[in-house]
Amino acid sequence: MTLNAKAMSFLAASACQIRANGQNHSQPVPSPCMSVCQMDEEAALCQGCLRTIDEIRLWGNADDAFKRSIWSDIEARLARYLA
């Protein structure tokens, strides 16, 4: 899978910040969308935000706990691809 270096830097920093904020509900959980919106067929992930098509589809109606779990999954995916 081809990773956009700028997108990966943003995702890594954002995931770390969201994890650090924990259950802080003062701000909404930001979308990881990078406006790249190209699915990698082999990995079944968006090349910009590393979400699955189901995660992208469900994001708009998801609660903050679900969004944080997606960010956690993104962070784990980043670690695998950057290792």
N, C-alpha and C. Protein backbone atom coordinates (compact mmCIF):
# COMPACT_ATOMS: atom_id res chain seq x y z
N MET A 1 0.85 -1.18 0.00
CA MET A 1 0.00 0.00 0.00
C MET A 1 0.89 1.23 0.00
N THR A 2 0.56 2.20 -0.84
CA THR A 2 1.30 3.46 -0.90
C THR A 2 0.75 4.40 0.16
N LEU A 3 1.64 4.91 0.99
CA LEU A 3 1.23 5.83 2.05
C LEU A 3 1.72 7.23 1.73
N ASN A 4 0.85 8.20 1.88
CA ASN A 4 1.18 9.59 1.70
C ASN A 4 1.87 10.07 2.98
N ALA A 5 3.13 10.48 2.89
CA ALA A 5 3.91 10.86 4.06
C ALA A 5 3.26 11.99 4.87
N LYS A 6 2.72 12.98 4.18
CA LYS A 6 2.07 14.10 4.86
C LYS A 6 0.82 13.62 5.61
N ALA A 7 0.06 12.78 4.96
CA ALA A 7 -1.16 12.24 5.60
C ALA A 7 -0.79 11.39 6.81
N MET A 8 0.25 10.57 6.68
CA MET A 8 0.64 9.70 7.77
C MET A 8 1.14 10.50 8.97
N SER A 9 1.86 11.58 8.73
CA SER A 9 2.32 12.44 9.83
C SER A 9 1.14 13.06 10.55
N PHE A 10 0.16 13.55 9.78
CA PHE A 10 -1.04 14.13 10.37
C PHE A 10 -1.80 13.08 11.18
N LEU A 11 -1.99 11.90 10.61
CA LEU A 11 -2.74 10.85 11.30
C LEU A 11 -2.04 10.43 12.59
N ALA A 12 -0.73 10.27 12.53
CA ALA A 12 0.02 9.86 13.72
C ALA A 12 -0.11 10.90 14.84
N ALA A 13 0.04 12.17 14.50
CA ALA A 13 -0.06 13.24 15.51
C ALA A 13 -1.49 13.32 16.05
N SER A 14 -2.46 13.22 15.18
CA SER A 14 -3.87 13.31 15.60
C SER A 14 -4.25 12.14 16.48
N ALA A 15 -3.85 10.93 16.10
CA ALA A 15 -4.16 9.74 16.90
C ALA A 15 -3.55 9.85 18.29
N CYS A 16 -2.33 10.32 18.35
CA CYS A 16 -1.65 10.49 19.63
C CYS A 16 -2.38 11.51 20.50
N GLN A 17 -2.80 12.61 19.90
CA GLN A 17 -3.52 13.65 20.63
C GLN A 17 -4.87 13.14 21.12
N ILE A 18 -5.58 12.41 20.31
CA ILE A 18 -6.88 11.88 20.71
C ILE A 18 -6.73 10.88 21.84
N ARG A 19 -5.70 10.02 21.76
CA ARG A 19 -5.44 9.07 22.83
C ARG A 19 -5.10 9.81 24.12
N ALA A 20 -4.30 10.86 24.03
CA ALA A 20 -3.89 11.63 25.20
C ALA A 20 -5.08 12.33 25.85
N ASN A 21 -6.03 12.77 25.03
CA ASN A 21 -7.22 13.45 25.57
C ASN A 21 -8.18 12.49 26.24
N GLY A 22 -8.05 11.19 25.93
CA GLY A 22 -8.88 10.17 26.57
C GLY A 22 -10.35 10.47 26.46
N GLN A 23 -10.99 10.56 27.58
CA GLN A 23 -12.44 10.75 27.63
C GLN A 23 -12.83 12.22 27.73
N ASN A 24 -11.93 13.13 27.35
CA ASN A 24 -12.23 14.55 27.36
C ASN A 24 -13.33 14.84 26.33
N HIS A 25 -14.49 15.20 26.81
CA HIS A 25 -15.63 15.41 25.93
C HIS A 25 -15.85 16.87 25.58
N SER A 26 -14.87 17.71 25.86
CA SER A 26 -15.07 19.14 25.60
C SER A 26 -15.01 19.48 24.12
N GLN A 27 -14.37 18.61 23.32
CA GLN A 27 -14.29 18.87 21.89
C GLN A 27 -14.72 17.62 21.14
N PRO A 28 -15.36 17.80 19.99
CA PRO A 28 -15.76 16.63 19.20
C PRO A 28 -14.53 15.91 18.64
N VAL A 29 -14.67 14.61 18.41
CA VAL A 29 -13.59 13.82 17.83
C VAL A 29 -13.48 14.19 16.36
N PRO A 30 -12.31 14.64 15.91
CA PRO A 30 -12.15 15.07 14.51
C PRO A 30 -12.13 13.89 13.55
N SER A 31 -12.56 14.13 12.36
CA SER A 31 -12.50 13.12 11.31
C SER A 31 -11.06 12.95 10.84
N PRO A 32 -10.66 11.72 10.55
CA PRO A 32 -9.33 11.48 10.01
C PRO A 32 -9.25 11.71 8.50
N CYS A 33 -10.32 12.12 7.87
CA CYS A 33 -10.35 12.28 6.42
C CYS A 33 -9.29 13.28 5.97
N MET A 34 -8.53 12.87 4.94
CA MET A 34 -7.48 13.71 4.37
C MET A 34 -7.85 14.16 2.96
N SER A 35 -9.07 13.90 2.54
CA SER A 35 -9.56 14.21 1.20
C SER A 35 -8.74 13.54 0.10
N VAL A 36 -8.15 12.39 0.43
CA VAL A 36 -7.46 11.58 -0.57
C VAL A 36 -8.47 10.61 -1.17
N CYS A 37 -9.21 9.93 -0.34
CA CYS A 37 -10.36 9.11 -0.72
C CYS A 37 -10.07 8.14 -1.86
N GLN A 38 -9.03 7.37 -1.71
CA GLN A 38 -8.69 6.31 -2.66
C GLN A 38 -8.50 5.02 -1.87
N MET A 39 -9.34 4.03 -2.18
CA MET A 39 -9.24 2.76 -1.49
C MET A 39 -8.14 1.91 -2.09
N ASP A 40 -7.31 1.34 -1.24
CA ASP A 40 -6.32 0.38 -1.65
C ASP A 40 -7.01 -0.98 -1.64
N GLU A 41 -7.14 -1.59 -2.80
CA GLU A 41 -7.89 -2.84 -2.90
C GLU A 41 -7.27 -3.97 -2.09
N GLU A 42 -5.96 -4.06 -2.10
CA GLU A 42 -5.29 -5.15 -1.38
C GLU A 42 -5.45 -5.01 0.13
N ALA A 43 -5.24 -3.81 0.66
CA ALA A 43 -5.34 -3.58 2.10
C ALA A 43 -6.78 -3.32 2.55
N ALA A 44 -7.66 -2.97 1.62
CA ALA A 44 -9.05 -2.61 1.92
C ALA A 44 -9.12 -1.41 2.87
N LEU A 45 -8.19 -0.47 2.67
CA LEU A 45 -8.14 0.74 3.49
C LEU A 45 -8.01 1.95 2.58
N CYS A 46 -8.53 3.08 3.04
CA CYS A 46 -8.34 4.33 2.33
C CYS A 46 -6.86 4.71 2.43
N GLN A 47 -6.29 5.12 1.33
CA GLN A 47 -4.88 5.50 1.32
C GLN A 47 -4.62 6.82 2.05
N GLY A 48 -5.65 7.59 2.29
CA GLY A 48 -5.48 8.86 2.99
C GLY A 48 -5.66 8.75 4.49
N CYS A 49 -6.71 8.04 4.92
CA CYS A 49 -7.02 8.03 6.36
C CYS A 49 -6.90 6.66 7.01
N LEU A 50 -6.59 5.63 6.23
CA LEU A 50 -6.43 4.27 6.74
C LEU A 50 -7.68 3.70 7.40
N ARG A 51 -8.85 4.17 6.96
CA ARG A 51 -10.10 3.59 7.45
C ARG A 51 -10.63 2.58 6.44
N THR A 52 -11.40 1.63 6.94
CA THR A 52 -12.10 0.70 6.06
C THR A 52 -13.31 1.42 5.48
N ILE A 53 -13.89 0.86 4.45
CA ILE A 53 -15.07 1.47 3.85
C ILE A 53 -16.22 1.52 4.87
N ASP A 54 -16.35 0.50 5.71
CA ASP A 54 -17.40 0.51 6.74
C ASP A 54 -17.16 1.60 7.78
N GLU A 55 -15.91 1.81 8.17
CA GLU A 55 -15.60 2.87 9.14
C GLU A 55 -15.92 4.24 8.55
N ILE A 56 -15.62 4.42 7.28
CA ILE A 56 -15.94 5.68 6.60
C ILE A 56 -17.46 5.88 6.55
N ARG A 57 -18.15 4.83 6.17
CA ARG A 57 -19.61 4.89 6.02
C ARG A 57 -20.30 5.18 7.36
N LEU A 58 -19.81 4.62 8.44
CA LEU A 58 -20.45 4.76 9.75
C LEU A 58 -20.05 6.03 10.50
N TRP A 59 -18.98 6.68 10.07
CA TRP A 59 -18.42 7.81 10.82
C TRP A 59 -19.45 8.90 11.13
N GLY A 60 -20.21 9.32 10.15
CA GLY A 60 -21.12 10.47 10.31
C GLY A 60 -22.15 10.31 11.42
N ASN A 61 -22.59 9.09 11.67
CA ASN A 61 -23.61 8.85 12.70
C ASN A 61 -23.04 8.21 13.96
N ALA A 62 -21.73 8.06 14.02
CA ALA A 62 -21.09 7.38 15.15
C ALA A 62 -20.97 8.30 16.37
N ASP A 63 -20.99 7.67 17.55
CA ASP A 63 -20.76 8.45 18.77
C ASP A 63 -19.25 8.59 18.98
N ASP A 64 -18.88 9.44 19.92
CA ASP A 64 -17.46 9.73 20.14
C ASP A 64 -16.67 8.49 20.57
N ALA A 65 -17.28 7.59 21.33
CA ALA A 65 -16.57 6.38 21.75
C ALA A 65 -16.20 5.53 20.54
N PHE A 66 -17.11 5.40 19.60
CA PHE A 66 -16.83 4.63 18.39
C PHE A 66 -15.76 5.33 17.55
N LYS A 67 -15.85 6.65 17.46
CA LYS A 67 -14.85 7.40 16.69
C LYS A 67 -13.47 7.25 17.32
N ARG A 68 -13.39 7.26 18.65
CA ARG A 68 -12.10 7.06 19.32
C ARG A 68 -11.56 5.66 19.05
N SER A 69 -12.46 4.67 18.98
CA SER A 69 -11.99 3.31 18.69
C SER A 69 -11.46 3.21 17.26
N ILE A 70 -12.06 3.95 16.33
CA ILE A 70 -11.55 3.99 14.96
C ILE A 70 -10.17 4.63 14.96
N TRP A 71 -10.00 5.72 15.69
CA TRP A 71 -8.68 6.37 15.77
C TRP A 71 -7.65 5.41 16.35
N SER A 72 -8.04 4.61 17.33
CA SER A 72 -7.13 3.62 17.90
C SER A 72 -6.73 2.59 16.84
N ASP A 73 -7.70 2.17 16.04
CA ASP A 73 -7.41 1.22 14.95
C ASP A 73 -6.48 1.86 13.92
N ILE A 74 -6.70 3.13 13.61
CA ILE A 74 -5.83 3.84 12.67
C ILE A 74 -4.40 3.89 13.21
N GLU A 75 -4.27 4.18 14.49
CA GLU A 75 -2.95 4.25 15.10
C GLU A 75 -2.24 2.89 15.01
N ALA A 76 -2.96 1.81 15.24
CA ALA A 76 -2.38 0.47 15.13
C ALA A 76 -1.98 0.17 13.68
N ARG A 77 -2.80 0.58 12.74
CA ARG A 77 -2.47 0.37 11.33
C ARG A 77 -1.23 1.16 10.93
N LEU A 78 -1.15 2.39 11.41
CA LEU A 78 0.03 3.21 11.14
C LEU A 78 1.29 2.52 11.65
N ALA A 79 1.23 2.00 12.85
CA ALA A 79 2.39 1.34 13.44
C ALA A 79 2.84 0.17 12.58
N ARG A 80 1.88 -0.58 12.03
CA ARG A 80 2.23 -1.72 11.18
C ARG A 80 2.89 -1.26 9.88
N TYR A 81 2.35 -0.20 9.28
CA TYR A 81 2.88 0.26 8.00
C TYR A 81 4.19 1.03 8.13
N LEU A 82 4.40 1.66 9.27
CA LEU A 82 5.61 2.44 9.46
C LEU A 82 6.74 1.66 10.09
N ALA A 83 6.44 0.43 10.50
CA ALA A 83 7.47 -0.41 11.16
C ALA A 83 8.52 -0.88 10.18
